Amino acid sequence: MKYDYLIVGSGLYGAVFAREAADKGKKVLVIDRRPNIAGNVYTEKVEGINVHKYGAHIFHTNDKKVWDYITRFAEFNRFTNSPVANFKGELFSLPFNMYTFNKMWGVVTPGQAQAKIDEQRGEIKGEPKNLEEQAISLVGRDIYEKLIKGYTEKQWGRDCTSLPPFIIKRLPVRLTFDNNYFNALYQGIPVGGYTKLVENLLEGIEVRLNVDYLKNRKELGSLADKVLYTGAIDEYFDFKLGTLEYRSVRFENELLDIPNYQGNAAVNYTDRETPWTRIIEHKWFEFGKDENGNDLPKTVISREYSSEWKPGDEPYYPVNDERNSKLCGRYKELAETEKNVIFGGRLGEYKYYDMDAVIAAALNKAEEELPE
């Protein structure tokens, strides 16, 4: 059978494009080398809890078109991301807001908080030379030392004094009692988990799992007129120009026979000594209830460790430094010479994408490819 599109990868980009192509009457085959659909948004049920297998995914967007589109395939709950920071046993609200400033300094009015920040920012004279100076120039030394320094150094595996200032061009400071992390009009988690959402996107579309496109690209490519490739762009070209770098994340998951471990979906550990960057307690993404509204008696936690990526690891965050940006540009030039292959998504474009931006990009590509 001949397909119009072979879609390599069943994450959000591949699944949205597949849905659009199928709805326009195209014959579509989706393949994935993993044993499951949904890419990095894959959720796995454990004791009734939807565990975010590849890290916490909280959907948030200001794009009404994207929200209207994705809510056709899942109902979303009203989860609001309100992380807590743990610095050596002291707990602070994130993002930085009046609760944070009250706990840090005992201030009670926005004016007092602003005065304290302004006073501490003054220690940096001239243009900040590194991330440490940049952070202090934005929020002062106390917040930097307790809530930024250790966490950032664990994330990047480098001292803040050796990281470039542009990594934190701005830090949100709210002089209000607002714990909502995202400035987004629409926010939530799909009821029943992300895997169910992607299943709904792929309804009626042929999917083959445990299929590695790169190992059989000639044979698989011959099945379709066009290929949409959402894997790593450098791997597609056998790394012939060099390897693009990523930061990776390692998870240690634990099923606990208690109903509540930390009382919040995300707790960031902001001191350098604690080896993990944060602990996710998955049940709180859905308010500790199963799909029938019953309290869940157990809990699953995931400790996250940031790590240097090496081939074979799961790539998470592109390293957008000069070397990688140049190398990516050269791979994109090669990609343009590939007739009938579309490169898309986080790995195909070597680009950090929030979920709403992935969906928007896939919809735009589908409009371009599949005119009315």
Protein backbone atom coordinates (compact mmCIF):
# COMPACT_ATOMS: atom_id res chain seq x y z
CA MET A 1 0.00 0.00 0.00
CA LYS A 2 1.30 3.45 -0.86
CA TYR A 3 0.90 6.26 1.68
CA ASP A 4 0.86 9.99 1.10
CA TYR A 5 2.81 10.62 4.31
CA LEU A 6 5.11 8.54 6.47
CA ILE A 7 5.36 10.27 9.84
CA VAL A 8 8.42 9.39 11.88
CA GLY A 9 7.64 9.98 15.55
CA SER A 10 4.31 10.00 17.39
CA GLY A 11 4.94 12.96 19.70
CA LEU A 12 2.76 16.06 19.56
CA TYR A 13 4.24 17.41 16.31
CA GLY A 14 3.87 14.11 14.43
CA ALA A 15 0.43 13.34 15.88
CA VAL A 16 -1.03 16.78 15.09
CA PHE A 17 0.32 16.72 11.53
CA ALA A 18 -0.98 13.14 11.08
CA ARG A 19 -4.45 14.18 12.26
CA GLU A 20 -4.55 17.15 9.88
CA ALA A 21 -3.33 15.07 6.92
CA ALA A 22 -5.82 12.26 7.63
CA ASP A 23 -8.66 14.77 7.96
CA LYS A 24 -7.74 16.11 4.50
CA GLY A 25 -8.16 12.61 3.07
CA LYS A 26 -4.46 11.69 2.95
CA LYS A 27 -3.24 8.16 3.60
CA VAL A 28 -0.95 8.34 6.63
CA LEU A 29 1.37 5.87 8.38
CA VAL A 30 2.90 6.84 11.75
CA ILE A 31 5.94 4.96 13.02
CA ASP A 32 7.88 5.26 16.27
CA ARG A 33 10.97 3.48 17.52
CA ARG A 34 9.65 3.51 21.07
CA PRO A 35 7.19 0.84 22.24
CA ASN A 36 4.60 3.56 22.93
CA ILE A 37 3.04 6.58 21.27
CA ALA A 38 3.18 10.19 22.53
CA GLY A 39 6.92 10.88 22.55
CA ASN A 40 8.09 12.78 25.61
CA VAL A 41 4.54 13.66 26.72
CA TYR A 42 3.87 9.92 27.29
CA THR A 43 2.03 9.20 30.54
CA GLU A 44 1.94 5.74 32.08
CA LYS A 45 -0.70 4.61 34.58
CA VAL A 46 0.71 3.38 37.89
CA GLU A 47 -1.77 2.59 40.70
CA GLY A 48 -4.32 4.85 39.00
CA ILE A 49 -1.83 7.74 38.74
CA ASN A 50 -0.84 9.18 35.34
CA VAL A 51 2.95 9.29 35.65
CA HIS A 52 4.71 11.78 33.35
CA LYS A 53 7.38 9.34 32.19
CA TYR A 54 9.70 11.88 30.55
CA GLY A 55 9.30 14.76 32.96
CA ALA A 56 6.46 17.02 34.03
CA HIS A 57 4.39 18.46 31.19
CA ILE A 58 2.01 21.28 32.12
CA PHE A 59 0.02 22.64 29.22
CA HIS A 60 -0.22 26.44 29.09
CA THR A 61 -0.89 28.84 26.24
CA ASN A 62 -2.20 32.27 25.31
CA ASP A 63 -2.98 31.05 21.78
CA LYS A 64 -6.74 30.60 21.50
CA LYS A 65 -6.43 28.77 18.18
CA VAL A 66 -4.13 26.16 19.76
CA TRP A 67 -6.34 25.85 22.86
CA ASP A 68 -9.51 25.40 20.79
CA TYR A 69 -7.72 22.81 18.67
CA ILE A 70 -6.22 20.66 21.40
CA THR A 71 -9.34 20.67 23.58
CA ARG A 72 -11.14 18.86 20.76
CA PHE A 73 -9.08 15.80 21.70
CA ALA A 74 -9.12 15.97 25.50
CA GLU A 75 -10.85 17.68 28.35
CA PHE A 76 -8.35 19.66 30.43
CA ASN A 77 -8.53 20.11 34.19
CA ARG A 78 -7.84 23.41 35.97
CA PHE A 79 -4.36 22.53 37.28
CA THR A 80 -2.28 25.67 37.96
CA ASN A 81 1.48 25.34 38.22
CA SER A 82 2.56 26.71 41.62
CA PRO A 83 5.99 25.22 42.39
CA VAL A 84 7.62 25.39 45.80
CA ALA A 85 11.35 25.95 46.35
CA ASN A 86 13.10 24.03 49.11
CA PHE A 87 16.40 25.59 50.21
CA LYS A 88 17.91 23.43 52.97
CA GLY A 89 14.47 22.87 54.49
CA GLU A 90 13.21 26.46 54.07
CA LEU A 91 10.22 26.63 51.73
CA PHE A 92 9.57 29.53 49.34
CA SER A 93 6.87 30.26 46.76
CA LEU A 94 7.77 30.37 43.08
CA PRO A 95 7.70 32.43 40.93
CA PHE A 96 9.23 35.20 43.04
CA ASN A 97 6.25 36.99 44.56
CA MET A 98 5.09 38.66 47.77
CA TYR A 99 4.93 35.31 49.61
CA THR A 100 8.59 34.74 48.65
CA PHE A 101 9.68 38.23 49.74
CA ASN A 102 7.77 38.02 53.02
CA LYS A 103 9.46 34.71 53.87
CA MET A 104 12.89 35.98 52.75
CA TRP A 105 12.89 39.42 54.44
CA GLY A 106 9.72 39.80 56.52
CA VAL A 107 8.47 42.60 54.23
CA VAL A 108 4.71 42.98 53.94
CA THR A 109 4.11 45.61 51.25
CA PRO A 110 5.12 45.72 47.57
CA GLY A 111 6.98 48.98 48.24
CA GLN A 112 9.10 47.36 50.96
CA ALA A 113 9.87 44.38 48.71
CA GLN A 114 10.88 46.62 45.81
CA ALA A 115 13.12 48.71 48.07
CA LYS A 116 14.90 45.57 49.32
CA ILE A 117 15.45 44.29 45.76
CA ASP A 118 16.69 47.70 44.59
CA GLU A 119 19.10 47.97 47.52
CA GLN A 120 20.62 44.54 46.77
CA ARG A 121 20.77 45.00 43.00
CA GLY A 122 23.04 47.98 43.50
CA GLU A 123 26.11 45.82 44.19
CA ILE A 124 26.53 45.11 40.46
CA LYS A 125 28.08 48.03 38.64
CA GLY A 126 28.22 48.13 34.83
CA GLU A 127 27.29 45.37 32.39
CA PRO A 128 26.93 41.91 34.03
CA LYS A 129 29.78 39.63 32.91
CA ASN A 130 28.21 36.26 33.82
CA LEU A 131 24.99 34.64 34.99
CA GLU A 132 25.70 35.35 38.67
CA GLU A 133 26.09 39.08 38.08
CA GLN A 134 23.07 39.12 35.76
CA ALA A 135 20.84 37.45 38.39
CA ILE A 136 22.01 39.74 41.21
CA SER A 137 21.45 42.79 38.98
CA LEU A 138 17.83 41.64 38.47
CA VAL A 139 16.74 40.35 41.90
CA GLY A 140 19.55 40.92 44.40
CA ARG A 141 21.92 38.62 46.25
CA ASP A 142 19.57 36.93 48.77
CA ILE A 143 17.19 35.55 46.16
CA TYR A 144 20.12 34.64 43.91
CA GLU A 145 21.96 32.71 46.67
CA LYS A 146 18.91 30.79 47.93
CA LEU A 147 16.69 30.31 44.91
CA ILE A 148 18.79 30.59 41.73
CA LYS A 149 22.45 29.68 42.25
CA GLY A 150 22.35 26.00 43.29
CA TYR A 151 19.45 25.06 41.03
CA THR A 152 21.04 26.69 37.96
CA GLU A 153 24.44 25.11 38.65
CA LYS A 154 22.85 21.66 38.92
CA GLN A 155 20.86 22.23 35.72
CA TRP A 156 23.88 23.25 33.66
CA GLY A 157 26.64 21.34 35.46
CA ARG A 158 28.68 24.56 35.66
CA ASP A 159 29.26 27.40 38.12
CA CYS A 160 27.08 30.46 37.60
CA THR A 161 30.24 32.58 37.26
CA SER A 162 31.19 30.58 34.14
CA LEU A 163 27.73 30.70 32.52
CA PRO A 164 26.85 33.52 30.10
CA PRO A 165 24.50 36.24 31.39
CA PHE A 166 21.98 35.84 28.53
CA ILE A 167 20.67 32.53 29.98
CA ILE A 168 18.54 34.59 32.37
CA LYS A 169 17.81 37.78 30.50
CA ARG A 170 14.93 38.39 32.85
CA LEU A 171 13.54 36.87 36.02
CA PRO A 172 9.83 37.32 36.73
CA VAL A 173 9.33 39.38 39.89
CA ARG A 174 5.74 39.77 41.01
CA LEU A 175 4.83 42.32 43.62
CA THR A 176 1.53 40.48 44.17
CA PHE A 177 0.43 37.38 46.10
CA ASP A 178 0.16 35.28 42.93
CA ASN A 179 1.65 31.76 42.89
CA ASN A 180 0.63 30.96 39.29
CA TYR A 181 3.93 30.24 37.55
CA PHE A 182 2.72 30.81 34.00
CA ASN A 183 1.34 34.03 32.57
CA ALA A 184 -1.07 32.04 30.43
CA LEU A 185 -4.74 32.50 29.74
CA TYR A 186 -5.27 28.74 29.31
CA GLN A 187 -3.63 26.13 31.53
CA GLY A 188 -4.25 22.56 32.66
CA ILE A 189 -3.53 18.85 32.30
CA PRO A 190 -5.52 16.56 29.98
CA VAL A 191 -7.93 14.48 32.04
CA GLY A 192 -6.79 10.85 31.78
CA GLY A 193 -3.23 11.82 30.81
CA TYR A 194 -1.34 12.87 27.70
CA THR A 195 -1.20 9.35 26.22
CA LYS A 196 -5.00 9.38 25.98
CA LEU A 197 -4.84 12.82 24.27
CA VAL A 198 -2.39 11.50 21.65
CA GLU A 199 -4.47 8.32 21.17
CA ASN A 200 -7.40 10.58 20.33
CA LEU A 201 -5.28 12.60 17.88
CA LEU A 202 -4.23 9.37 16.15
CA GLU A 203 -7.67 7.75 16.11
CA GLY A 204 -8.23 5.84 12.87
CA ILE A 205 -4.61 6.34 11.72
CA GLU A 206 -2.26 3.40 11.21
CA VAL A 207 0.55 3.36 13.81
CA ARG A 208 3.49 0.96 13.98
CA LEU A 209 5.64 0.94 17.13
CA ASN A 210 9.15 -0.43 17.72
CA VAL A 211 10.07 0.61 14.17
CA ASP A 212 13.38 2.41 13.66
CA TYR A 213 13.17 4.58 10.56
CA LEU A 214 16.91 5.24 10.36
CA LYS A 215 17.74 1.53 10.32
CA ASN A 216 15.30 0.87 7.44
CA ARG A 217 14.97 4.28 5.82
CA LYS A 218 15.12 3.10 2.21
CA GLU A 219 12.42 0.49 2.61
CA LEU A 220 10.21 2.66 4.85
CA GLY A 221 10.74 5.81 2.79
CA SER A 222 9.57 3.97 -0.32
CA LEU A 223 6.16 3.41 1.33
CA ALA A 224 5.17 7.07 1.04
CA ASP A 225 5.38 10.08 -1.25
CA LYS A 226 6.61 12.28 1.59
CA VAL A 227 8.28 11.78 4.97
CA LEU A 228 7.72 13.97 8.03
CA TYR A 229 10.75 13.35 10.25
CA THR A 230 10.64 14.41 13.91
CA GLY A 231 13.81 12.66 15.12
CA ALA A 232 17.18 14.29 15.71
CA ILE A 233 18.37 16.19 12.63
CA ASP A 234 22.07 15.29 13.12
CA GLU A 235 21.23 11.60 13.54
CA TYR A 236 19.30 11.68 10.25
CA PHE A 237 22.56 12.67 8.54
CA ASP A 238 24.62 10.08 10.49
CA PHE A 239 26.27 12.88 12.51
CA LYS A 240 28.51 13.58 9.53
CA LEU A 241 29.07 17.24 10.44
CA GLY A 242 29.41 16.51 14.17
CA THR A 243 27.06 15.92 17.10
CA LEU A 244 24.61 18.51 18.39
CA GLU A 245 24.66 18.77 22.17
CA TYR A 246 21.80 18.56 24.67
CA ARG A 247 21.26 18.63 28.38
CA SER A 248 19.61 15.46 29.57
CA VAL A 249 17.54 14.52 32.59
CA ARG A 250 17.56 11.29 34.57
CA PHE A 251 14.59 10.21 36.69
CA GLU A 252 14.41 8.03 39.77
CA ASN A 253 10.80 6.93 40.27
CA GLU A 254 9.40 5.61 43.51
CA LEU A 255 5.95 4.20 44.34
CA LEU A 256 5.17 5.00 47.97
CA ASP A 257 2.49 3.39 50.13
CA ILE A 258 1.35 6.75 51.51
CA PRO A 259 -1.30 9.15 50.18
CA ASN A 260 0.84 12.31 50.19
CA TYR A 261 4.62 12.82 50.01
CA GLN A 262 5.12 16.57 49.54
CA GLY A 263 1.68 18.14 49.08
CA ASN A 264 2.52 19.72 45.72
CA ALA A 265 3.17 18.58 42.15
CA ALA A 266 6.63 20.17 41.96
CA VAL A 267 9.20 21.03 44.63
CA ASN A 268 12.49 22.50 43.39
CA TYR A 269 15.60 21.84 45.50
CA THR A 270 17.60 25.01 45.11
CA ASP A 271 20.71 24.23 47.16
CA ARG A 272 23.77 22.81 45.38
CA GLU A 273 24.27 19.93 47.87
CA THR A 274 20.98 18.10 47.15
CA PRO A 275 21.83 16.07 44.02
CA TRP A 276 18.40 16.25 42.39
CA THR A 277 16.95 19.45 40.92
CA ARG A 278 13.33 18.76 41.82
CA ILE A 279 10.82 16.15 42.93
CA ILE A 280 7.58 15.68 41.02
CA GLU A 281 4.61 14.08 42.78
CA HIS A 282 2.47 13.12 39.81
CA LYS A 283 -0.91 12.61 41.48
CA TRP A 284 -1.23 16.36 42.24
CA PHE A 285 -1.42 17.16 38.52
CA GLU A 286 -4.90 15.65 38.82
CA PHE A 287 -5.62 16.75 42.40
CA GLY A 288 -4.86 13.34 43.92
CA LYS A 289 -7.98 11.76 42.41
CA ASP A 290 -8.59 8.96 39.93
CA GLU A 291 -10.86 9.39 36.91
CA ASN A 292 -13.93 8.66 39.05
CA GLY A 293 -13.04 11.32 41.60
CA ASN A 294 -11.82 8.88 44.27
CA ASP A 295 -8.81 9.68 46.45
CA LEU A 296 -5.74 7.69 45.43
CA PRO A 297 -4.24 5.79 48.39
CA LYS A 298 -0.65 5.65 47.05
CA THR A 299 1.70 8.14 45.41
CA VAL A 300 4.49 8.14 42.81
CA ILE A 301 7.41 10.55 43.06
CA SER A 302 10.17 11.23 40.52
CA ARG A 303 13.49 12.73 41.52
CA GLU A 304 15.01 14.62 38.58
CA TYR A 305 18.74 14.81 37.99
CA SER A 306 20.14 17.11 35.33
CA SER A 307 23.03 15.60 33.37
CA GLU A 308 25.37 16.13 30.46
CA TRP A 309 23.98 14.37 27.40
CA LYS A 310 25.94 11.64 25.66
CA PRO A 311 24.90 9.61 22.60
CA GLY A 312 22.38 7.00 23.69
CA ASP A 313 20.84 9.26 26.39
CA GLU A 314 17.45 10.86 25.92
CA PRO A 315 18.03 14.36 24.47
CA TYR A 316 16.00 17.03 26.27
CA TYR A 317 17.24 20.61 26.05
CA PRO A 318 19.22 21.91 23.05
CA VAL A 319 22.38 23.76 24.10
CA ASN A 320 21.94 27.05 22.26
CA ASP A 321 25.53 28.23 22.31
CA GLU A 322 27.50 29.50 19.34
CA ARG A 323 28.98 26.13 18.36
CA ASN A 324 25.65 24.29 18.35
CA SER A 325 23.78 27.12 16.63
CA LYS A 326 26.30 27.16 13.78
CA LEU A 327 26.29 23.38 13.47
CA CYS A 328 22.51 23.30 13.47
CA GLY A 329 22.49 25.90 10.67
CA ARG A 330 24.72 23.65 8.57
CA TYR A 331 22.46 20.64 9.18
CA LYS A 332 19.42 22.75 8.20
CA GLU A 333 21.14 23.58 4.90
CA LEU A 334 21.58 19.84 4.32
CA ALA A 335 17.93 19.26 5.25
CA GLU A 336 16.82 21.66 2.53
CA THR A 337 18.46 19.42 -0.08
CA GLU A 338 16.39 16.41 1.02
CA LYS A 339 13.53 16.24 -1.43
CA ASN A 340 10.22 15.07 -0.01
CA VAL A 341 11.41 15.10 3.63
CA ILE A 342 9.99 17.61 6.13
CA PHE A 343 11.96 18.13 9.35
CA GLY A 344 9.83 19.21 12.30
CA GLY A 345 9.55 19.32 16.08
CA ARG A 346 12.00 19.76 18.92
CA LEU A 347 14.64 17.32 17.63
CA GLY A 348 14.02 17.80 13.91
CA GLU A 349 14.57 21.56 14.29
CA TYR A 350 16.97 21.44 17.29
CA LYS A 351 14.77 23.90 19.12
CA TYR A 352 13.35 24.20 22.62
CA TYR A 353 9.58 24.12 22.17
CA ASP A 354 6.77 24.51 24.67
CA MET A 355 3.88 22.17 23.88
CA ASP A 356 1.58 24.90 22.56
CA ALA A 357 4.33 26.10 20.18
CA VAL A 358 4.86 22.52 18.91
CA ILE A 359 1.14 22.25 18.14
CA ALA A 360 1.11 25.68 16.45
CA ALA A 361 4.17 24.77 14.34
CA ALA A 362 2.60 21.44 13.27
CA LEU A 363 -0.67 23.17 12.35
CA ASN A 364 1.22 25.80 10.34
CA LYS A 365 3.22 23.13 8.52
CA ALA A 366 0.02 21.20 7.78
CA GLU A 367 -1.63 24.35 6.35
CA GLU A 368 1.41 24.93 4.15
CA GLU A 369 1.55 21.30 3.00
CA LEU A 370 -2.16 20.60 2.71
CA PRO A 371 -3.87 23.62 1.20
CA GLU A 372 -7.65 23.60 1.17
